[in-house]
Amino acid sequence: MTFRLAVGPLPPGLALINTATSGVVTGTPTAVGVYSFKVAAVDTNGCTGSAFYTINVECPTITLSPSSLPGGTEFASYNPQTLTASGGTAPYTFSQTGGSLPAGMTLSTNGVLSGTPTSVSSAFTVTATDKFGCMGSQTYTLILADPNPPVTVTMLPGTLTSGVVGQNYNQTITAKGGYGPYTFAVSSGSLPPGLATNMAGSTSFVLSGIPTTPGPFTFTVTATDSENDVGQTSYTINVTSVAVTNSAVLAVSAVLSPQSVMIESNLTCTVTVTNLGPSPATGVTISNTLPVGATFVPSSSGCAADGNTVVCNVGSLLAGSTATISYLMQATQAGSISVASSVTAADSVTSSTTASGTVVPPYTVATNSKPNVASIVDTNGDIVTASLKGPGSLQVRVLGGGNNGPIDQIVLTGTKASSSLTIQVKGGGLVNVGSITSDGSLKTINGTTLNVTGAGIQVGGSLGTIKANALLNSALSVNGSGGIGTLQLNEMSNSVCTVTNGMMKTVNVGVYVDSKINAEAIKTVKLGTVTTENGNQEFGIQVQNVGGTVTVSHPRLKWKITSSIQSTNDFQVVTSP
């Protein structure tokens, strides 16, 4: 038996050779594309036969390493980093394709990042191109430390104790955050009569003496470090005519509202302070420690954040009175959440409490498969996984309304022809999903509110029915011999649908824009509006077998797929009989 290439060409880099019993297509492809060709065979009696074949040559996934870069310092030589690539065919050429390198930095074509940065941190994208033009990209953020960060000088304590006329008073104020030694001064206001400061401390100064006059006295203390960095704090000392023998007793309670919220939603923390008496309380301050997974919302009135501590100033509180203050925080991580709150005041008995709540992902997941495993993988609720057996079904319910998402991935394993996936949105709207993968067949993918916007849908077996709102800049790939029963979309834009082994029985797409459909055969294609960006109005439909009909509402067209190139008003369906 002798084999030869009747109609070509083969993909560049491949060749058809004859062996003793067969014809072998062999070699290393060097160009990306879809290649259709015809092979003819002749036996020893001169009898012939032929068949059409299609080889889809795709670029491999090229990965750049490392995935992140070590930081550096502005105006200091950066330790050169060599980027490498894998997955393609060497040699690789590296280039910056997005963002911007810090000024003073360069990226060589062999992947070496070097230089002396003279600007702030920046993000940029590096693309590696292999020998055959296949590319892979990685976005990096290069963090550069300021060699001369601004210095904040702060003083402790934040409030001073009260004084009593005729009794000794002693209070030490210290400074931190700068470069010692420090120079202190009372820059405004007046000290209570009878009190004075040493004014000569290198790291602190002492306010001492015997007060002679009752009343509140407000003044500002300034601390200047050796580099002339300045910090200042305003203090008030309340001097009474007689000693307060019974301190105010403060009680505090706190509650989070609502008790259960979705990720990236705001919670209100309401703290109530009650002065149980018998004396009034001054300088009442509430300190709240936020947990990991929560951030302070700066618009909260009367409160300010220092790291994970939120400080709210209440002021004075008479005996028997109550003060309530609220602030907002945003939940950024799923799970239990609790806030510790404490109240302090001058000459008072302090108290503390804890408020708790729950943060839930923005999606719920349920299966009716036995046994089943259904979960939301990461704390942001972006990756949904499920293991389905037989006639199992997975339901993903989006809890918000309006335009929701995105869900990065939905991963299904153990699926069969009786398994199904349903995506719903509570309160209406659409949800964007990056990818849906299944290692087996599926009966249905039902998501009329679903936009597929990322890597797309990959089904390892056959797919009975898929209903979705849109396939946008994405792909639908079905690898099972059963093909697709029904494909129903409101829109298919800049996307590719590929059925490797099987028929697409029904295709019903409302708006069809610059997209492609590849299958062995198609029974019925119904398209509403067909448009392309380049204006040539090609369907981009390719089938191997004749038969089936194509109907277009706008422009209004209809015909059967009967020849290798069927053309009407520049619209094309390509077949390979």
Protein backbone atom coordinates (compact mmCIF):
# COMPACT_ATOMS: atom_id res chain seq x y z
CA MET A 1 0.00 0.00 0.00
CA THR A 2 1.35 3.42 -1.00
CA PHE A 3 0.16 6.71 0.48
CA ARG A 4 0.50 10.20 -0.96
CA LEU A 5 -0.73 13.73 -0.23
CA ALA A 6 -3.51 14.40 -2.76
CA VAL A 7 -4.66 17.82 -1.54
CA GLY A 8 -2.62 19.90 0.87
CA PRO A 9 -0.72 21.33 2.37
CA LEU A 10 0.30 19.60 5.58
CA PRO A 11 1.18 21.85 8.53
CA PRO A 12 4.70 23.26 8.08
CA GLY A 13 7.20 20.93 9.67
CA LEU A 14 5.17 17.75 9.07
CA ALA A 15 5.60 15.18 6.31
CA LEU A 16 3.76 12.08 5.04
CA ILE A 17 6.04 9.04 4.77
CA ASN A 18 5.32 5.47 3.74
CA THR A 19 6.20 2.44 5.81
CA ALA A 20 5.83 -1.23 4.96
CA THR A 21 2.17 -1.26 6.04
CA SER A 22 0.99 2.33 6.54
CA GLY A 23 1.39 6.04 5.90
CA VAL A 24 2.71 8.11 8.78
CA VAL A 25 2.34 11.86 9.28
CA THR A 26 5.35 12.85 11.35
CA GLY A 27 7.51 15.81 12.26
CA THR A 28 7.45 18.92 14.48
CA PRO A 29 4.86 21.60 13.55
CA THR A 30 6.38 25.05 13.16
CA ALA A 31 3.31 27.21 12.47
CA VAL A 32 -0.05 27.66 14.23
CA GLY A 33 -3.29 27.11 12.31
CA VAL A 34 -6.00 24.69 11.17
CA TYR A 35 -4.79 22.57 8.22
CA SER A 36 -7.13 20.40 6.10
CA PHE A 37 -5.65 17.96 3.60
CA LYS A 38 -6.52 14.85 1.62
CA VAL A 39 -4.50 11.60 1.63
CA ALA A 40 -4.82 9.05 -1.18
CA ALA A 41 -3.81 5.35 -0.95
CA VAL A 42 -3.01 2.90 -3.79
CA ASP A 43 -2.72 -0.86 -3.23
CA THR A 44 -0.70 -3.36 -5.23
CA ASN A 45 -3.64 -3.95 -7.59
CA GLY A 46 -3.91 -0.25 -8.43
CA CYS A 47 -7.09 0.25 -6.37
CA THR A 48 -7.32 3.66 -4.70
CA GLY A 49 -9.02 5.32 -1.75
CA SER A 50 -8.79 8.69 -0.08
CA ALA A 51 -9.83 10.56 3.06
CA PHE A 52 -9.83 14.14 4.34
CA TYR A 53 -8.09 15.05 7.58
CA THR A 54 -7.78 18.20 9.67
CA ILE A 55 -4.93 18.98 12.06
CA ASN A 56 -5.32 21.90 14.45
CA VAL A 57 -1.88 23.18 15.44
CA GLU A 58 -2.03 25.34 18.55
CA CYS A 59 0.54 27.23 20.53
CA PRO A 60 1.62 25.52 23.76
CA THR A 61 1.10 27.26 27.09
CA ILE A 62 4.22 29.26 27.79
CA THR A 63 4.92 30.04 31.45
CA LEU A 64 7.31 32.66 32.76
CA SER A 65 9.36 32.23 35.93
CA PRO A 66 9.63 33.50 38.56
CA SER A 67 5.97 34.39 39.22
CA SER A 68 6.99 37.44 41.27
CA LEU A 69 10.03 39.70 41.64
CA PRO A 70 12.00 40.59 44.76
CA GLY A 71 11.71 44.19 45.87
CA GLY A 72 14.35 46.84 45.60
CA THR A 73 15.19 50.33 46.79
CA GLU A 74 14.84 53.59 44.89
CA PHE A 75 18.16 55.05 43.69
CA ALA A 76 20.01 51.83 44.54
CA SER A 77 21.29 49.24 42.07
CA TYR A 78 18.73 46.48 41.64
CA ASN A 79 19.96 42.91 41.97
CA PRO A 80 19.57 41.66 38.37
CA GLN A 81 16.83 39.08 37.90
CA THR A 82 16.81 36.63 34.99
CA LEU A 83 13.37 35.66 33.71
CA THR A 84 12.96 32.25 32.11
CA ALA A 85 10.22 30.64 30.06
CA SER A 86 9.03 27.07 29.63
CA GLY A 87 6.43 25.17 27.70
CA GLY A 88 7.43 26.37 24.21
CA THR A 89 10.48 25.85 22.01
CA ALA A 90 13.72 27.68 22.83
CA PRO A 91 15.19 30.14 22.23
CA TYR A 92 12.86 32.71 23.80
CA THR A 93 12.80 36.47 23.29
CA PHE A 94 11.55 38.65 26.15
CA SER A 95 9.87 42.05 25.83
CA GLN A 96 7.80 44.45 27.90
CA THR A 97 4.28 44.55 26.46
CA GLY A 98 2.29 46.41 29.10
CA GLY A 99 2.62 48.83 32.00
CA SER A 100 5.90 50.59 32.55
CA LEU A 101 9.26 49.72 34.04
CA PRO A 102 10.56 52.00 36.79
CA ALA A 103 12.72 54.75 35.34
CA GLY A 104 16.31 53.58 35.15
CA MET A 105 15.40 49.89 34.68
CA THR A 106 15.76 47.85 31.48
CA LEU A 107 14.66 44.42 30.31
CA SER A 108 16.99 42.71 27.85
CA THR A 109 15.75 40.40 25.09
CA ASN A 110 17.22 37.43 26.95
CA GLY A 111 15.10 38.22 30.02
CA VAL A 112 17.49 40.06 32.36
CA LEU A 113 15.88 42.85 34.41
CA SER A 114 18.49 45.26 35.75
CA GLY A 115 19.36 48.87 36.41
CA THR A 116 19.08 51.52 39.12
CA PRO A 117 15.44 52.59 39.65
CA THR A 118 14.86 56.32 40.04
CA SER A 119 11.05 56.25 40.30
CA VAL A 120 8.39 54.65 42.48
CA SER A 121 7.05 51.09 42.38
CA SER A 122 5.30 50.06 39.16
CA ALA A 123 3.51 47.17 37.45
CA PHE A 124 4.39 45.88 33.98
CA THR A 125 3.79 42.89 31.73
CA VAL A 126 6.58 40.76 30.22
CA THR A 127 5.92 38.56 27.17
CA ALA A 128 8.13 35.63 26.14
CA THR A 129 8.08 34.63 22.45
CA ASP A 130 9.45 31.23 21.51
CA LYS A 131 11.20 30.03 18.34
CA PHE A 132 7.90 29.63 16.45
CA GLY A 133 6.27 32.87 17.54
CA CYS A 134 4.14 31.41 20.37
CA MET A 135 3.83 33.72 23.36
CA GLY A 136 3.14 33.70 27.08
CA SER A 137 2.89 36.66 29.44
CA GLN A 138 3.29 37.42 33.14
CA THR A 139 2.42 40.65 34.96
CA TYR A 140 4.86 41.73 37.65
CA THR A 141 4.73 44.40 40.33
CA LEU A 142 8.14 45.67 41.37
CA ILE A 143 7.99 47.11 44.88
CA LEU A 144 10.64 49.77 45.54
CA ALA A 145 11.29 51.02 49.05
CA ASP A 146 11.78 54.71 49.72
CA PRO A 147 15.34 55.12 51.08
CA ASN A 148 14.22 58.20 53.02
CA PRO A 149 10.66 57.53 54.20
CA PRO A 150 8.87 60.32 56.04
CA VAL A 151 9.15 60.12 59.82
CA THR A 152 6.17 60.50 62.13
CA VAL A 153 6.94 61.53 65.68
CA THR A 154 4.26 60.50 68.18
CA MET A 155 3.94 61.01 71.91
CA LEU A 156 2.67 58.79 74.70
CA PRO A 157 0.41 58.73 76.57
CA GLY A 158 -2.42 60.15 74.47
CA THR A 159 -4.20 61.59 77.53
CA LEU A 160 -3.02 62.83 80.94
CA THR A 161 -4.43 61.97 84.36
CA SER A 162 -6.40 64.54 86.33
CA GLY A 163 -4.88 66.53 89.18
CA VAL A 164 -6.06 67.70 92.61
CA VAL A 165 -5.36 71.10 94.16
CA GLY A 166 -2.70 70.79 96.86
CA GLN A 167 -1.60 67.26 95.93
CA ASN A 168 1.59 66.18 94.16
CA TYR A 169 1.27 65.59 90.39
CA ASN A 170 3.78 63.72 88.21
CA GLN A 171 3.36 62.60 84.59
CA THR A 172 6.01 61.55 82.07
CA ILE A 173 5.56 62.13 78.31
CA THR A 174 7.73 60.18 75.84
CA ALA A 175 8.28 60.43 72.08
CA LYS A 176 8.82 57.72 69.47
CA GLY A 177 9.02 57.28 65.71
CA GLY A 178 11.89 59.71 65.03
CA TYR A 179 15.63 59.88 65.61
CA GLY A 180 16.64 60.71 69.18
CA PRO A 181 17.50 62.68 71.14
CA TYR A 182 14.28 64.76 71.27
CA THR A 183 13.71 68.34 72.25
CA PHE A 184 10.38 69.08 73.97
CA ALA A 185 8.42 72.31 74.28
CA VAL A 186 4.97 73.50 75.33
CA SER A 187 4.12 75.20 72.04
CA SER A 188 0.68 76.59 72.92
CA GLY A 189 -1.80 76.83 75.78
CA SER A 190 -1.04 77.00 79.49
CA LEU A 191 -0.04 74.48 82.13
CA PRO A 192 -2.12 74.32 85.30
CA PRO A 193 -0.67 76.81 87.83
CA GLY A 194 1.79 75.06 90.12
CA LEU A 195 3.00 72.58 87.46
CA ALA A 196 6.26 72.80 85.49
CA THR A 197 8.33 70.63 83.15
CA ASN A 198 11.96 69.70 83.19
CA MET A 199 12.13 70.65 79.46
CA ALA A 200 15.52 68.92 79.18
CA GLY A 201 14.77 65.23 78.64
CA SER A 202 16.44 63.52 75.70
CA THR A 203 13.71 60.94 75.22
CA SER A 204 11.03 62.22 77.63
CA PHE A 205 10.08 65.13 79.81
CA VAL A 206 8.36 65.20 83.18
CA LEU A 207 5.38 67.34 84.08
CA SER A 208 5.30 67.71 87.87
CA GLY A 209 4.41 69.96 90.80
CA ILE A 210 1.44 70.78 93.03
CA PRO A 211 -1.61 72.28 91.27
CA THR A 212 -2.94 75.45 92.92
CA THR A 213 -6.01 76.25 90.82
CA PRO A 214 -8.97 74.02 89.82
CA GLY A 215 -10.26 73.81 86.24
CA PRO A 216 -9.49 72.32 82.83
CA PHE A 217 -6.17 73.37 81.31
CA THR A 218 -5.38 72.64 77.64
CA PHE A 219 -1.92 72.89 76.10
CA THR A 220 0.13 71.42 73.24
CA VAL A 221 3.43 69.59 73.64
CA THR A 222 5.83 69.51 70.68
CA ALA A 223 8.66 66.98 70.25
CA THR A 224 11.45 67.61 67.70
CA ASP A 225 13.96 64.85 66.87
CA SER A 226 17.59 65.19 65.77
CA GLU A 227 16.56 65.32 62.09
CA ASN A 228 14.07 68.15 62.75
CA ASP A 229 11.05 65.86 62.37
CA VAL A 230 8.24 67.26 64.52
CA GLY A 231 5.26 65.74 66.31
CA GLN A 232 2.75 67.36 68.60
CA THR A 233 -0.12 66.34 70.87
CA SER A 234 -2.83 68.41 72.54
CA TYR A 235 -3.48 67.56 76.21
CA THR A 236 -6.07 68.60 78.80
CA ILE A 237 -5.50 68.25 82.55
CA ASN A 238 -8.60 68.51 84.71
CA VAL A 239 -7.69 69.84 88.16
CA THR A 240 -10.32 69.40 90.88
CA SER A 241 -10.50 71.19 94.21
CA VAL A 242 -10.87 67.91 96.13
CA ALA A 243 -9.80 64.35 95.35
CA VAL A 244 -12.30 62.09 93.62
CA THR A 245 -12.59 59.13 95.91
CA ASN A 246 -15.04 57.16 93.75
CA SER A 247 -13.94 56.70 90.11
CA ALA A 248 -16.43 56.41 87.28
CA VAL A 249 -17.20 52.83 86.26
CA LEU A 250 -17.65 52.40 82.50
CA ALA A 251 -19.53 49.55 80.80
CA VAL A 252 -19.23 48.82 77.08
CA SER A 253 -21.18 46.65 74.63
CA ALA A 254 -20.80 46.16 70.89
CA VAL A 255 -22.75 44.54 68.06
CA LEU A 256 -22.09 43.93 64.35
CA SER A 257 -24.89 44.56 61.89
CA PRO A 258 -25.92 42.65 59.91
CA GLN A 259 -24.81 39.47 61.65
CA SER A 260 -24.15 37.76 58.31
CA VAL A 261 -22.84 39.57 55.21
CA MET A 262 -21.31 38.73 51.85
CA ILE A 263 -17.64 39.29 51.04
CA GLU A 264 -16.79 42.91 50.11
CA SER A 265 -19.91 44.19 51.90
CA ASN A 266 -19.89 46.72 54.73
CA LEU A 267 -20.68 45.92 58.35
CA THR A 268 -21.66 48.49 60.96
CA CYS A 269 -20.02 48.11 64.36
CA THR A 270 -22.09 49.91 67.01
CA VAL A 271 -20.41 50.45 70.38
CA THR A 272 -22.37 51.69 73.41
CA VAL A 273 -20.61 53.11 76.51
CA THR A 274 -22.48 53.67 79.78
CA ASN A 275 -21.09 55.56 82.78
CA LEU A 276 -22.38 53.62 85.79
CA GLY A 277 -21.12 56.38 88.10
CA PRO A 278 -20.69 57.63 90.64
CA SER A 279 -18.44 60.28 89.00
CA PRO A 280 -18.34 61.81 85.53
CA ALA A 281 -15.78 60.42 83.07
CA THR A 282 -13.51 62.56 80.90
CA GLY A 283 -11.36 61.71 77.92
CA VAL A 284 -13.52 58.69 77.09
CA THR A 285 -11.93 56.76 74.21
CA ILE A 286 -13.05 53.54 72.49
CA SER A 287 -10.35 51.34 70.93
CA ASN A 288 -11.43 48.63 68.47
CA THR A 289 -9.14 45.90 67.16
CA LEU A 290 -10.16 44.71 63.68
CA PRO A 291 -9.53 41.08 62.72
CA VAL A 292 -7.74 39.78 59.65
CA GLY A 293 -10.21 39.95 56.77
CA ALA A 294 -11.70 43.35 57.66
CA THR A 295 -10.71 46.90 56.72
CA PHE A 296 -11.84 50.25 58.14
CA VAL A 297 -14.07 52.46 55.94
CA PRO A 298 -12.58 55.98 56.31
CA SER A 299 -15.95 57.74 55.87
CA SER A 300 -16.93 56.64 59.41
CA SER A 301 -17.59 59.78 61.49
CA GLY A 302 -15.67 60.40 64.70
CA CYS A 303 -13.24 57.50 64.26
CA ALA A 304 -9.80 57.02 62.75
CA ALA A 305 -7.68 53.95 62.01
CA ASP A 306 -4.06 53.26 62.91
CA GLY A 307 -3.21 49.91 61.30
CA ASN A 308 -5.82 47.43 62.46
CA THR A 309 -6.89 49.59 65.42
CA VAL A 310 -9.87 51.96 65.11
CA VAL A 311 -9.97 54.73 67.73
CA CYS A 312 -13.21 56.63 68.44
CA ASN A 313 -13.22 59.66 70.74
CA VAL A 314 -16.35 60.05 72.89
CA GLY A 315 -15.19 62.92 75.14
CA SER A 316 -16.88 63.48 78.51
CA LEU A 317 -19.66 61.30 79.88
CA LEU A 318 -21.76 62.22 82.91
CA ALA A 319 -22.64 59.63 85.54
CA GLY A 320 -25.71 57.65 84.48
CA SER A 321 -25.48 58.72 80.82
CA THR A 322 -24.85 56.66 77.69
CA ALA A 323 -23.00 57.38 74.43
CA THR A 324 -23.24 55.37 71.20
CA ILE A 325 -20.81 55.55 68.30
CA SER A 326 -20.78 53.58 65.03
CA TYR A 327 -18.22 52.98 62.33
CA LEU A 328 -18.07 50.99 59.11
CA MET A 329 -15.72 48.20 58.09
CA GLN A 330 -15.60 46.05 54.97
CA ALA A 331 -15.43 42.25 55.07
CA THR A 332 -12.74 40.91 52.72
CA GLN A 333 -12.52 37.25 53.77
CA ALA A 334 -15.11 34.55 54.38
CA GLY A 335 -15.58 32.98 57.79
CA SER A 336 -16.25 34.09 61.37
CA ILE A 337 -15.35 37.66 62.23
CA SER A 338 -15.02 39.34 65.63
CA VAL A 339 -14.06 42.82 66.82
CA ALA A 340 -12.58 43.48 70.28
CA SER A 341 -13.62 46.84 71.78
CA SER A 342 -12.37 48.50 74.97
CA VAL A 343 -13.17 51.84 76.61
CA THR A 344 -10.75 53.97 78.65
CA ALA A 345 -11.04 57.34 80.42
CA ALA A 346 -9.19 59.46 82.94
CA ASP A 347 -9.68 58.32 86.57
CA SER A 348 -12.19 55.64 85.55
CA VAL A 349 -12.61 51.88 85.71
CA THR A 350 -12.30 50.56 82.13
CA SER A 351 -14.18 47.75 80.35
CA SER A 352 -13.95 45.63 77.18
CA THR A 353 -16.20 43.46 74.99
CA THR A 354 -16.25 41.51 71.70
CA ALA A 355 -18.75 41.67 68.79
CA SER A 356 -18.99 38.72 66.39
CA GLY A 357 -20.53 37.96 63.01
CA THR A 358 -20.17 35.78 59.93
CA VAL A 359 -18.93 36.62 56.41
CA VAL A 360 -20.23 34.37 53.63
CA PRO A 361 -19.13 34.00 49.97
CA PRO A 362 -21.37 35.69 47.37
CA TYR A 363 -22.46 32.30 45.99
CA THR A 364 -24.15 29.21 47.40
CA VAL A 365 -23.36 25.76 46.06
CA ALA A 366 -25.48 22.62 46.32
CA THR A 367 -25.54 19.17 44.70
CA ASN A 368 -28.05 16.33 44.78
CA SER A 369 -25.43 13.72 43.89
CA LYS A 370 -24.70 10.81 46.24
CA PRO A 371 -21.93 10.83 47.22
CA ASN A 372 -21.08 14.43 46.38
CA VAL A 373 -18.53 17.07 47.18
CA ALA A 374 -19.44 20.69 46.56
CA SER A 375 -17.43 23.61 47.86
CA ILE A 376 -16.23 27.16 47.32
CA VAL A 377 -12.47 26.82 47.27
CA ASP A 378 -10.94 30.18 48.14
CA THR A 379 -11.92 32.70 50.80
CA ASN A 380 -13.01 35.20 48.13
CA GLY A 381 -15.65 32.78 46.87
CA ASP A 382 -14.30 32.83 43.30
CA ILE A 383 -13.63 29.11 42.63
CA VAL A 384 -16.47 26.57 42.81
CA THR A 385 -15.73 22.82 42.73
CA ALA A 386 -17.98 19.77 42.71
CA SER A 387 -17.63 16.00 42.28
CA LEU A 388 -20.73 14.54 40.60
CA LYS A 389 -21.62 10.89 40.19
CA GLY A 390 -24.15 9.74 37.59
CA PRO A 391 -27.36 11.78 37.52
CA GLY A 392 -25.97 14.38 39.92
CA SER A 393 -26.61 18.09 39.49
CA LEU A 394 -24.76 21.18 40.69
CA GLN A 395 -26.56 24.43 41.45
CA VAL A 396 -24.58 27.66 41.84
CA ARG A 397 -26.75 30.49 43.13
CA VAL A 398 -25.46 34.07 43.02
CA LEU A 399 -26.82 35.94 46.04
CA GLY A 400 -26.59 39.51 44.74
CA GLY A 401 -28.70 41.34 42.16
CA GLY A 402 -27.70 43.42 39.14
CA ASN A 403 -24.45 42.60 37.35
CA ASN A 404 -22.64 40.09 39.57
CA GLY A 405 -19.42 38.20 39.68
CA PRO A 406 -17.06 37.29 38.51
CA ILE A 407 -16.78 33.60 39.38
CA ASP A 408 -13.26 32.74 38.26
CA GLN A 409 -13.77 28.97 37.81
CA ILE A 410 -16.39 26.24 38.07
CA VAL A 411 -14.66 22.83 38.14
CA LEU A 412 -16.70 19.61 37.75
CA THR A 413 -15.28 16.10 38.11
CA GLY A 414 -16.90 12.68 37.77
CA THR A 415 -19.64 13.92 35.44
CA LYS A 416 -21.65 11.65 33.16
CA ALA A 417 -24.27 12.10 30.44
CA SER A 418 -26.97 12.47 33.12
CA SER A 419 -25.18 15.20 35.10
CA SER A 420 -26.22 18.85 34.93
CA LEU A 421 -25.08 22.34 35.95
CA THR A 422 -27.47 25.21 36.76
CA ILE A 423 -26.42 28.82 37.47
CA GLN A 424 -28.98 31.22 38.95
CA VAL A 425 -28.92 34.88 40.03
CA LYS A 426 -31.07 35.93 42.96
CA GLY A 427 -32.78 39.24 42.26
CA GLY A 428 -32.03 39.30 38.51
CA GLY A 429 -29.04 40.49 36.53
CA LEU A 430 -26.14 38.63 34.94
CA VAL A 431 -23.09 36.84 36.31
CA ASN A 432 -19.68 36.62 34.61
CA VAL A 433 -17.88 33.27 34.77
CA GLY A 434 -14.29 32.87 33.58
CA SER A 435 -14.28 29.12 32.89
CA ILE A 436 -16.34 25.96 33.31
CA THR A 437 -14.53 22.61 33.01
CA SER A 438 -15.89 19.07 33.15
CA ASP A 439 -13.84 15.88 32.83
CA GLY A 440 -16.82 13.93 31.42
CA SER A 441 -20.14 14.42 29.67
CA LEU A 442 -22.96 16.73 30.75
CA LYS A 443 -26.69 16.62 30.13
CA THR A 444 -27.21 20.38 30.49
CA ILE A 445 -25.50 23.64 31.29
CA ASN A 446 -28.40 25.93 32.12
CA GLY A 447 -27.50 29.55 32.81
CA THR A 448 -29.64 32.07 30.96
CA THR A 449 -28.04 34.76 33.16
CA LEU A 450 -24.52 33.48 32.39
CA ASN A 451 -21.79 35.37 30.52
CA VAL A 452 -18.70 33.27 29.79
CA THR A 453 -15.84 35.78 29.57
CA GLY A 454 -12.56 33.99 30.28
CA ALA A 455 -10.92 30.72 29.23
CA GLY A 456 -14.37 29.34 28.34
CA ILE A 457 -16.13 25.99 28.63
CA GLN A 458 -14.33 22.66 28.16
CA VAL A 459 -16.38 19.45 28.30
CA GLY A 460 -14.48 16.15 28.22
CA GLY A 461 -17.44 14.16 26.83
CA SER A 462 -20.65 15.08 25.06
CA LEU A 463 -22.97 17.99 25.92
CA GLY A 464 -26.72 17.67 25.59
CA THR A 465 -27.90 21.28 25.93
CA ILE A 466 -26.21 24.57 26.79
CA LYS A 467 -28.26 27.70 27.41
CA ALA A 468 -26.40 30.89 28.29
CA ASN A 469 -26.70 34.61 27.75
CA ALA A 470 -23.37 35.16 25.99
CA LEU A 471 -20.02 33.70 24.97
CA LEU A 472 -17.72 36.75 24.93
CA ASN A 473 -14.09 36.61 23.78
CA SER A 474 -14.07 33.01 24.92
CA ALA A 475 -14.34 29.39 23.70
CA LEU A 476 -16.61 26.35 23.93
CA SER A 477 -14.90 22.99 23.40
CA VAL A 478 -16.66 19.59 23.45
CA ASN A 479 -14.45 16.50 23.00
CA GLY A 480 -16.97 13.64 23.23
CA SER A 481 -18.28 11.65 20.27
CA GLY A 482 -21.85 12.76 21.03
CA GLY A 483 -21.14 16.39 20.16
CA ILE A 484 -23.65 19.05 21.21
CA GLY A 485 -27.42 18.62 21.13
CA THR A 486 -28.47 22.27 21.44
CA LEU A 487 -26.41 25.47 21.64
CA GLN A 488 -28.60 28.45 22.59
CA LEU A 489 -27.01 31.89 23.12
CA ASN A 490 -28.27 35.45 23.02
CA GLU A 491 -24.82 36.53 21.81
CA MET A 492 -21.63 34.91 20.54
CA SER A 493 -18.88 37.48 20.04
CA ASN A 494 -15.21 36.94 19.14
CA SER A 495 -15.49 33.34 20.30
CA VAL A 496 -14.86 29.81 18.99
CA CYS A 497 -17.04 26.70 19.37
CA THR A 498 -15.27 23.42 18.57
CA VAL A 499 -16.82 19.92 18.51
CA THR A 500 -13.95 17.49 18.04
CA ASN A 501 -15.88 14.28 17.33
CA GLY A 502 -19.56 14.62 16.63
CA MET A 503 -22.49 16.65 15.37
CA MET A 504 -24.03 19.91 16.52
CA LYS A 505 -27.75 19.26 16.12
CA THR A 506 -29.15 22.72 16.80
CA VAL A 507 -27.39 26.09 16.91
CA ASN A 508 -29.50 29.09 17.86
CA VAL A 509 -27.60 32.38 18.34
CA GLY A 510 -29.24 35.81 18.51
CA VAL A 511 -26.23 38.04 17.72
CA TYR A 512 -23.25 36.39 15.96
CA VAL A 513 -20.15 38.61 15.80
CA ASP A 514 -16.74 37.55 14.41
CA SER A 515 -17.00 34.01 15.75
CA LYS A 516 -16.23 30.48 14.52
CA ILE A 517 -17.96 27.09 14.75
CA ASN A 518 -16.07 23.87 13.87
CA ALA A 519 -17.80 20.46 13.83
CA GLU A 520 -18.08 17.24 11.83
CA ALA A 521 -21.65 18.10 10.89
CA ILE A 522 -24.40 20.56 11.76
CA LYS A 523 -28.10 19.85 11.42
CA THR A 524 -29.64 23.30 11.93
CA VAL A 525 -28.06 26.75 12.33
CA LYS A 526 -30.29 29.73 13.15
CA LEU A 527 -28.63 33.13 13.49
CA GLY A 528 -30.39 36.39 14.26
CA THR A 529 -27.96 39.13 13.29
CA VAL A 530 -24.53 38.47 11.73
CA THR A 531 -21.84 41.15 11.85
CA THR A 532 -18.06 41.30 11.60
CA GLU A 533 -15.55 43.96 12.50
CA ASN A 534 -13.77 43.77 9.13
CA GLY A 535 -17.02 43.90 7.14
CA ASN A 536 -16.49 40.78 4.97
CA GLN A 537 -19.52 39.07 6.59
CA GLU A 538 -18.13 35.53 6.89
CA PHE A 539 -19.94 33.08 9.09
CA GLY A 540 -16.80 31.28 10.18
CA ILE A 541 -18.63 27.91 10.16
CA GLN A 542 -16.62 24.86 9.13
CA VAL A 543 -18.01 21.30 8.92
CA GLN A 544 -16.60 18.07 7.49
CA ASN A 545 -19.86 16.63 6.15
CA VAL A 546 -22.49 18.15 3.89
CA GLY A 547 -26.09 18.40 4.98
CA GLY A 548 -27.94 20.69 7.34
CA THR A 549 -29.43 24.13 6.92
CA VAL A 550 -28.33 27.67 7.72
CA THR A 551 -30.88 30.43 8.38
CA VAL A 552 -30.09 34.10 9.02
CA SER A 553 -32.69 36.67 10.05
CA HIS A 554 -30.56 39.71 9.23
CA PRO A 555 -29.61 39.76 6.44
CA ARG A 556 -32.41 37.34 5.59
CA LEU A 557 -30.79 34.18 4.13
CA LYS A 558 -31.42 30.43 4.07
CA TRP A 559 -29.76 27.48 2.32
CA LYS A 560 -28.57 23.90 2.70
CA ILE A 561 -24.92 22.97 3.25
CA THR A 562 -24.26 21.02 0.02
CA SER A 563 -20.82 21.93 -1.29
CA SER A 564 -17.28 22.63 -0.25
CA ILE A 565 -17.87 26.39 -0.33
CA GLN A 566 -21.46 27.59 -0.15
CA SER A 567 -21.65 31.34 -0.74
CA THR A 568 -24.56 33.77 -0.69
CA ASN A 569 -23.98 37.51 -0.45
CA ASP A 570 -20.43 36.88 0.85
CA PHE A 571 -21.61 34.73 3.77
CA GLN A 572 -19.69 31.43 3.81
CA VAL A 573 -19.98 27.95 5.25
CA VAL A 574 -16.94 25.75 4.53
CA THR A 575 -17.34 21.97 4.34
CA SER A 576 -14.84 19.20 3.73
CA PRO A 577 -16.79 16.25 2.22
